[in-house]
Amino acid sequence: MQKKKVICLAILSFFPLVVLASDVGNILPYQTYRDFSENKGEFSPGATNIPLYNKNGTLVPFE
């Protein structure tokens, strides 16, 4: 019985990590996040000084 509890606790402890792994912010359009994660579009390897625009089309300043 103790072994089942330990296994169950171990499995459940990983669920919060999985949920946060797919969390994206609400500042940029979702497609921008996808392009960044897949190195597509303007985020091709070697690209520099990429402007980021929010959902309203205004430039997002990053420091």
Protein backbone atom coordinates (compact mmCIF):
# COMPACT_ATOMS: atom_id res chain seq x y z
CA MET A 1 0.00 0.00 0.00
CA GLN A 2 2.85 2.40 0.81
CA LYS A 3 4.39 1.78 -2.60
CA LYS A 4 1.15 2.79 -4.34
CA LYS A 5 1.06 6.05 -2.39
CA VAL A 6 4.64 6.87 -3.33
CA ILE A 7 4.02 6.13 -7.00
CA CYS A 8 0.80 8.16 -7.00
CA LEU A 9 2.53 11.10 -5.31
CA ALA A 10 5.41 10.95 -7.79
CA ILE A 11 3.04 10.98 -10.76
CA LEU A 12 0.91 13.80 -9.39
CA SER A 13 3.95 15.94 -8.59
CA PHE A 14 4.75 16.21 -12.32
CA PHE A 15 1.33 17.51 -13.37
CA PRO A 16 1.95 21.18 -12.45
CA LEU A 17 5.11 21.16 -14.57
CA VAL A 18 3.24 19.84 -17.58
CA VAL A 19 0.51 22.45 -17.22
CA LEU A 20 3.00 25.33 -17.05
CA ALA A 21 4.97 24.03 -20.02
CA SER A 22 2.17 25.00 -22.39
CA ASP A 23 1.44 28.41 -20.87
CA VAL A 24 1.83 31.41 -23.17
CA GLY A 25 1.42 35.06 -22.34
CA ASN A 26 -1.35 37.28 -23.63
CA ILE A 27 0.81 40.17 -24.85
CA LEU A 28 1.89 38.76 -28.21
CA PRO A 29 -0.22 36.88 -30.75
CA TYR A 30 -0.12 33.11 -30.34
CA GLN A 31 1.40 32.67 -33.81
CA THR A 32 4.42 34.71 -32.70
CA TYR A 33 5.03 32.28 -29.84
CA ARG A 34 4.71 29.33 -32.23
CA ASP A 35 7.07 30.85 -34.79
CA PHE A 36 9.64 31.50 -32.06
CA SER A 37 9.42 27.96 -30.68
CA GLU A 38 9.71 26.40 -34.15
CA ASN A 39 12.39 28.80 -35.53
CA LYS A 40 10.06 29.84 -38.35
CA GLY A 41 9.20 33.11 -40.04
CA GLU A 42 11.18 36.05 -38.77
CA PHE A 43 12.73 33.86 -36.06
CA SER A 44 14.93 31.90 -38.43
CA PRO A 45 18.37 30.96 -37.05
CA GLY A 46 20.79 33.88 -37.13
CA ALA A 47 18.12 36.58 -37.22
CA THR A 48 18.79 39.60 -35.02
CA ASN A 49 16.95 42.76 -33.96
CA ILE A 50 13.51 41.27 -34.55
CA PRO A 51 10.70 43.72 -33.78
CA LEU A 52 7.85 42.28 -31.70
CA TYR A 53 4.34 43.66 -32.01
CA ASN A 54 1.50 43.12 -29.57
CA LYS A 55 -2.05 42.17 -30.54
CA ASN A 56 -2.89 45.82 -31.25
CA GLY A 57 -0.01 46.16 -33.71
CA THR A 58 2.18 48.43 -31.58
CA LEU A 59 5.84 47.72 -31.00
CA VAL A 60 6.61 45.96 -27.70
CA PRO A 61 9.71 47.43 -26.04
CA PHE A 62 12.14 44.93 -24.50
CA GLU A 63 15.15 45.97 -22.49
